[in-house]
Amino acid sequence: MLRIVTVNWRDYEKRGVEYVNILHDMCRRNLAHGMEGAFEVFTDDPSATYSDGITVRDLPAHLV
């Protein structure tokens, strides 16, 4: 299974959530048919609204 992980810290350029959602959509559309994949984001704002299919994780405190 492919695991794609990204970081959104301090809402980069005020478009961090939008960028993560677009990146997720691009990855999902371009995975080979039938290939299993997981998409995760580590963020300092887990209350932000991410697309369905994105697993949201807290950014570890020592990285904030």
PDB file of N, CA and C in Angstrom:
ATOM      1  N   MET A   1       0.839  -1.183   0.000  1.00  0.00           N
ATOM      2  CA  MET A   1       0.000   0.000   0.000  1.00  0.00           C
ATOM      3  C   MET A   1       0.880   1.241   0.000  1.00  0.00           C
ATOM      4  N   LEU A   2       0.497   2.217  -0.795  1.00  0.00           N
ATOM      5  CA  LEU A   2       1.201   3.490  -0.864  1.00  0.00           C
ATOM      6  C   LEU A   2       0.689   4.407   0.233  1.00  0.00           C
ATOM      7  N   ARG A   3       1.589   5.045   0.943  1.00  0.00           N
ATOM      8  CA  ARG A   3       1.218   5.994   2.003  1.00  0.00           C
ATOM      9  C   ARG A   3       1.823   7.344   1.666  1.00  0.00           C
ATOM     10  N   ILE A   4       0.966   8.334   1.484  1.00  0.00           N
ATOM     11  CA  ILE A   4       1.411   9.690   1.155  1.00  0.00           C
ATOM     12  C   ILE A   4       1.170  10.556   2.386  1.00  0.00           C
ATOM     13  N   VAL A   5       2.226  11.247   2.831  1.00  0.00           N
ATOM     14  CA  VAL A   5       2.141  12.058   4.041  1.00  0.00           C
ATOM     15  C   VAL A   5       2.628  13.472   3.718  1.00  0.00           C
ATOM     16  N   THR A   6       1.880  14.469   4.200  1.00  0.00           N
ATOM     17  CA  THR A   6       2.257  15.855   3.989  1.00  0.00           C
ATOM     18  C   THR A   6       2.088  16.625   5.292  1.00  0.00           C
ATOM     19  N   VAL A   7       2.604  17.862   5.315  1.00  0.00           N
ATOM     20  CA  VAL A   7       2.543  18.715   6.500  1.00  0.00           C
ATOM     21  C   VAL A   7       1.918  20.044   6.115  1.00  0.00           C
ATOM     22  N   ASN A   8       0.980  20.509   6.937  1.00  0.00           N
ATOM     23  CA  ASN A   8       0.423  21.859   6.787  1.00  0.00           C
ATOM     24  C   ASN A   8       0.637  22.573   8.114  1.00  0.00           C
ATOM     25  N   TRP A   9       1.595  23.496   8.122  1.00  0.00           N
ATOM     26  CA  TRP A   9       1.967  24.215   9.333  1.00  0.00           C
ATOM     27  C   TRP A   9       1.731  25.702   9.118  1.00  0.00           C
ATOM     28  N   ARG A  10       0.966  26.308   9.988  1.00  0.00           N
ATOM     29  CA  ARG A  10       0.636  27.734   9.935  1.00  0.00           C
ATOM     30  C   ARG A  10      -0.068  28.135   8.643  1.00  0.00           C
ATOM     31  N   ASP A  11      -0.855  27.245   8.094  1.00  0.00           N
ATOM     32  CA  ASP A  11      -1.658  27.510   6.901  1.00  0.00           C
ATOM     33  C   ASP A  11      -0.852  28.263   5.834  1.00  0.00           C
ATOM     34  N   TYR A  12       0.127  27.596   5.299  1.00  0.00           N
ATOM     35  CA  TYR A  12       1.072  28.148   4.325  1.00  0.00           C
ATOM     36  C   TYR A  12       0.401  29.071   3.306  1.00  0.00           C
ATOM     37  N   GLU A  13       0.858  30.327   3.263  1.00  0.00           N
ATOM     38  CA  GLU A  13       0.367  31.326   2.300  1.00  0.00           C
ATOM     39  C   GLU A  13      -1.156  31.483   2.346  1.00  0.00           C
ATOM     40  N   LYS A  14      -1.771  31.169   3.472  1.00  0.00           N
ATOM     41  CA  LYS A  14      -3.233  31.220   3.645  1.00  0.00           C
ATOM     42  C   LYS A  14      -3.961  30.270   2.695  1.00  0.00           C
ATOM     43  N   ARG A  15      -3.236  29.302   2.150  1.00  0.00           N
ATOM     44  CA  ARG A  15      -3.829  28.338   1.213  1.00  0.00           C
ATOM     45  C   ARG A  15      -3.416  26.916   1.547  1.00  0.00           C
ATOM     46  N   GLY A  16      -2.934  26.691   2.759  1.00  0.00           N
ATOM     47  CA  GLY A  16      -2.419  25.374   3.121  1.00  0.00           C
ATOM     48  C   GLY A  16      -3.441  24.260   3.005  1.00  0.00           C
ATOM     49  N   VAL A  17      -4.649  24.496   3.538  1.00  0.00           N
ATOM     50  CA  VAL A  17      -5.691  23.468   3.473  1.00  0.00           C
ATOM     51  C   VAL A  17      -6.099  23.231   2.024  1.00  0.00           C
ATOM     52  N   GLU A  18      -6.262  24.310   1.277  1.00  0.00           N
ATOM     53  CA  GLU A  18      -6.621  24.180  -0.145  1.00  0.00           C
ATOM     54  C   GLU A  18      -5.556  23.386  -0.897  1.00  0.00           C
ATOM     55  N   TYR A  19      -4.280  23.677  -0.634  1.00  0.00           N
ATOM     56  CA  TYR A  19      -3.187  22.984  -1.303  1.00  0.00           C
ATOM     57  C   TYR A  19      -3.202  21.487  -0.968  1.00  0.00           C
ATOM     58  N   VAL A  20      -3.398  21.148   0.310  1.00  0.00           N
ATOM     59  CA  VAL A  20      -3.431  19.741   0.715  1.00  0.00           C
ATOM     60  C   VAL A  20      -4.591  19.026   0.030  1.00  0.00           C
ATOM     61  N   ASN A  21      -5.759  19.671  -0.025  1.00  0.00           N
ATOM     62  CA  ASN A  21      -6.919  19.059  -0.682  1.00  0.00           C
ATOM     63  C   ASN A  21      -6.665  18.831  -2.170  1.00  0.00           C
ATOM     64  N   ILE A  22      -6.031  19.779  -2.835  1.00  0.00           N
ATOM     65  CA  ILE A  22      -5.715  19.631  -4.263  1.00  0.00           C
ATOM     66  C   ILE A  22      -4.690  18.510  -4.460  1.00  0.00           C
ATOM     67  N   LEU A  23      -3.675  18.476  -3.607  1.00  0.00           N
ATOM     68  CA  LEU A  23      -2.659  17.424  -3.695  1.00  0.00           C
ATOM     69  C   LEU A  23      -3.291  16.049  -3.497  1.00  0.00           C
ATOM     70  N   HIS A  24      -4.192  15.936  -2.547  1.00  0.00           N
ATOM     71  CA  HIS A  24      -4.899  14.669  -2.307  1.00  0.00           C
ATOM     72  C   HIS A  24      -5.684  14.262  -3.552  1.00  0.00           C
ATOM     73  N   ASP A  25      -6.407  15.192  -4.141  1.00  0.00           N
ATOM     74  CA  ASP A  25      -7.200  14.892  -5.332  1.00  0.00           C
ATOM     75  C   ASP A  25      -6.311  14.430  -6.494  1.00  0.00           C
ATOM     76  N   MET A  26      -5.177  15.124  -6.692  1.00  0.00           N
ATOM     77  CA  MET A  26      -4.264  14.738  -7.776  1.00  0.00           C
ATOM     78  C   MET A  26      -3.701  13.331  -7.553  1.00  0.00           C
ATOM     79  N   CYS A  27      -3.312  13.030  -6.332  1.00  0.00           N
ATOM     80  CA  CYS A  27      -2.773  11.697  -6.031  1.00  0.00           C
ATOM     81  C   CYS A  27      -3.833  10.629  -6.237  1.00  0.00           C
ATOM     82  N   ARG A  28      -5.042  10.880  -5.733  1.00  0.00           N
ATOM     83  CA  ARG A  28      -6.128   9.910  -5.853  1.00  0.00           C
ATOM     84  C   ARG A  28      -6.446   9.614  -7.317  1.00  0.00           C
ATOM     85  N   ARG A  29      -6.512  10.661  -8.150  1.00  0.00           N
ATOM     86  CA  ARG A  29      -6.856  10.471  -9.554  1.00  0.00           C
ATOM     87  C   ARG A  29      -5.762   9.773 -10.347  1.00  0.00           C
ATOM     88  N   ASN A  30      -4.519   9.852  -9.877  1.00  0.00           N
ATOM     89  CA  ASN A  30      -3.414   9.307 -10.661  1.00  0.00           C
ATOM     90  C   ASN A  30      -2.838   8.004 -10.127  1.00  0.00           C
ATOM     91  N   LEU A  31      -3.422   7.468  -9.060  1.00  0.00           N
ATOM     92  CA  LEU A  31      -3.002   6.138  -8.618  1.00  0.00           C
ATOM     93  C   LEU A  31      -3.499   5.111  -9.631  1.00  0.00           C
ATOM     94  N   ALA A  32      -2.707   4.099  -9.848  1.00  0.00           N
ATOM     95  CA  ALA A  32      -3.123   3.032 -10.754  1.00  0.00           C
ATOM     96  C   ALA A  32      -4.415   2.407 -10.232  1.00  0.00           C
ATOM     97  N   HIS A  33      -5.302   2.045 -11.139  1.00  0.00           N
ATOM     98  CA  HIS A  33      -6.589   1.456 -10.763  1.00  0.00           C
ATOM     99  C   HIS A  33      -6.383   0.261  -9.842  1.00  0.00           C
ATOM    100  N   GLY A  34      -7.057   0.287  -8.706  1.00  0.00           N
ATOM    101  CA  GLY A  34      -6.978  -0.826  -7.766  1.00  0.00           C
ATOM    102  C   GLY A  34      -5.841  -0.726  -6.759  1.00  0.00           C
ATOM    103  N   MET A  35      -4.948   0.244  -6.933  1.00  0.00           N
ATOM    104  CA  MET A  35      -3.844   0.378  -5.990  1.00  0.00           C
ATOM    105  C   MET A  35      -4.352   0.996  -4.685  1.00  0.00           C
ATOM    106  N   GLU A  36      -4.011   0.364  -3.587  1.00  0.00           N
ATOM    107  CA  GLU A  36      -4.413   0.886  -2.292  1.00  0.00           C
ATOM    108  C   GLU A  36      -3.496   2.036  -1.899  1.00  0.00           C
ATOM    109  N   GLY A  37      -4.087   3.047  -1.288  1.00  0.00           N
ATOM    110  CA  GLY A  37      -3.291   4.178  -0.856  1.00  0.00           C
ATOM    111  C   GLY A  37      -3.913   4.867   0.337  1.00  0.00           C
ATOM    112  N   ALA A  38      -3.082   5.512   1.139  1.00  0.00           N
ATOM    113  CA  ALA A  38      -3.536   6.291   2.283  1.00  0.00           C
ATOM    114  C   ALA A  38      -2.907   7.675   2.172  1.00  0.00           C
ATOM    115  N   PHE A  39      -3.671   8.697   2.531  1.00  0.00           N
ATOM    116  CA  PHE A  39      -3.191  10.076   2.470  1.00  0.00           C
ATOM    117  C   PHE A  39      -3.370  10.693   3.843  1.00  0.00           C
ATOM    118  N   GLU A  40      -2.281  11.225   4.405  1.00  0.00           N
ATOM    119  CA  GLU A  40      -2.314  11.801   5.737  1.00  0.00           C
ATOM    120  C   GLU A  40      -1.721  13.202   5.727  1.00  0.00           C
ATOM    121  N   VAL A  41      -2.234  14.053   6.620  1.00  0.00           N
ATOM    122  CA  VAL A  41      -1.665  15.379   6.802  1.00  0.00           C
ATOM    123  C   VAL A  41      -1.387  15.571   8.289  1.00  0.00           C
ATOM    124  N   PHE A  42      -0.189  16.027   8.599  1.00  0.00           N
ATOM    125  CA  PHE A  42       0.149  16.449   9.948  1.00  0.00           C
ATOM    126  C   PHE A  42      -0.021  17.959   9.972  1.00  0.00           C
ATOM    127  N   THR A  43      -0.785  18.465  10.953  1.00  0.00           N
ATOM    128  CA  THR A  43      -1.102  19.881  10.967  1.00  0.00           C
ATOM    129  C   THR A  43      -1.152  20.425  12.383  1.00  0.00           C
ATOM    130  N   ASP A  44      -0.898  21.720  12.506  1.00  0.00           N
ATOM    131  CA  ASP A  44      -1.028  22.388  13.793  1.00  0.00           C
ATOM    132  C   ASP A  44      -2.461  22.873  14.016  1.00  0.00           C
ATOM    133  N   ASP A  45      -3.354  22.680  13.020  1.00  0.00           N
ATOM    134  CA  ASP A  45      -4.762  23.059  13.131  1.00  0.00           C
ATOM    135  C   ASP A  45      -5.647  21.908  12.667  1.00  0.00           C
ATOM    136  N   PRO A  46      -5.821  20.889  13.522  1.00  0.00           N
ATOM    137  CA  PRO A  46      -6.607  19.726  13.109  1.00  0.00           C
ATOM    138  C   PRO A  46      -8.102  20.016  12.945  1.00  0.00           C
ATOM    139  N   SER A  47      -8.561  21.195  13.338  1.00  0.00           N
ATOM    140  CA  SER A  47      -9.978  21.540  13.177  1.00  0.00           C
ATOM    141  C   SER A  47     -10.286  22.050  11.766  1.00  0.00           C
ATOM    142  N   ALA A  48      -9.260  22.277  10.956  1.00  0.00           N
ATOM    143  CA  ALA A  48      -9.469  22.741   9.580  1.00  0.00           C
ATOM    144  C   ALA A  48     -10.210  21.675   8.778  1.00  0.00           C
ATOM    145  N   THR A  49     -10.892  22.102   7.733  1.00  0.00           N
ATOM    146  CA  THR A  49     -11.716  21.202   6.934  1.00  0.00           C
ATOM    147  C   THR A  49     -10.916  20.640   5.758  1.00  0.00           C
ATOM    148  N   TYR A  50     -10.593  19.362   5.849  1.00  0.00           N
ATOM    149  CA  TYR A  50      -9.887  18.659   4.783  1.00  0.00           C
ATOM    150  C   TYR A  50     -10.869  17.750   4.061  1.00  0.00           C
ATOM    151  N   SER A  51     -10.545  17.392   2.840  1.00  0.00           N
ATOM    152  CA  SER A  51     -11.403  16.520   2.033  1.00  0.00           C
ATOM    153  C   SER A  51     -11.560  15.147   2.677  1.00  0.00           C
ATOM    154  N   ASP A  52     -12.692  14.498   2.363  1.00  0.00           N
ATOM    155  CA  ASP A  52     -12.889  13.115   2.798  1.00  0.00           C
ATOM    156  C   ASP A  52     -11.762  12.261   2.237  1.00  0.00           C
ATOM    157  N   GLY A  53     -11.290  11.337   3.015  1.00  0.00           N
ATOM    158  CA  GLY A  53     -10.213  10.460   2.561  1.00  0.00           C
ATOM    159  C   GLY A  53      -8.852  10.892   3.060  1.00  0.00           C
ATOM    160  N   ILE A  54      -8.772  12.081   3.683  1.00  0.00           N
ATOM    161  CA  ILE A  54      -7.512  12.558   4.247  1.00  0.00           C
ATOM    162  C   ILE A  54      -7.555  12.300   5.752  1.00  0.00           C
ATOM    163  N   THR A  55      -6.557  11.577   6.237  1.00  0.00           N
ATOM    164  CA  THR A  55      -6.438  11.344   7.672  1.00  0.00           C
ATOM    165  C   THR A  55      -5.671  12.512   8.269  1.00  0.00           C
ATOM    166  N   VAL A  56      -6.283  13.187   9.241  1.00  0.00           N
ATOM    167  CA  VAL A  56      -5.678  14.368   9.868  1.00  0.00           C
ATOM    168  C   VAL A  56      -5.028  13.946  11.173  1.00  0.00           C
ATOM    169  N   ARG A  57      -3.775  14.327  11.325  1.00  0.00           N
ATOM    170  CA  ARG A  57      -3.008  14.009  12.535  1.00  0.00           C
ATOM    171  C   ARG A  57      -2.439  15.306  13.113  1.00  0.00           C
ATOM    172  N   ASP A  58      -2.314  15.332  14.444  1.00  0.00           N
ATOM    173  CA  ASP A  58      -1.693  16.493  15.106  1.00  0.00           C
ATOM    174  C   ASP A  58      -0.205  16.533  14.798  1.00  0.00           C
ATOM    175  N   LEU A  59       0.277  17.722  14.528  1.00  0.00           N
ATOM    176  CA  LEU A  59       1.711  17.921  14.352  1.00  0.00           C
ATOM    177  C   LEU A  59       2.349  17.746  15.732  1.00  0.00           C
ATOM    178  N   PRO A  60       3.384  16.928  15.867  1.00  0.00           N
ATOM    179  CA  PRO A  60       4.011  16.739  17.170  1.00  0.00           C
ATOM    180  C   PRO A  60       4.453  18.077  17.773  1.00  0.00           C
ATOM    181  N   ALA A  61       4.246  18.229  19.075  1.00  0.00           N
ATOM    182  CA  ALA A  61       4.504  19.500  19.765  1.00  0.00           C
ATOM    183  C   ALA A  61       5.935  19.990  19.565  1.00  0.00           C
ATOM    184  N   HIS A  62       6.897  19.102  19.497  1.00  0.00           N
ATOM    185  CA  HIS A  62       8.280  19.543  19.346  1.00  0.00           C
ATOM    186  C   HIS A  62       8.582  20.103  17.951  1.00  0.00           C
ATOM    187  N   LEU A  63       7.650  19.987  17.029  1.00  0.00           N
ATOM    188  CA  LEU A  63       7.842  20.531  15.684  1.00  0.00           C
ATOM    189  C   LEU A  63       7.083  21.841  15.462  1.00  0.00           C
ATOM    190  N   VAL A  64       6.238  22.213  16.409  1.00  0.00           N
ATOM    191  CA  VAL A  64       5.420  23.425  16.244  1.00  0.00           C
ATOM    192  C   VAL A  64       6.230  24.655  16.487  1.00  0.00           C
TER     193      VAL A  64
END
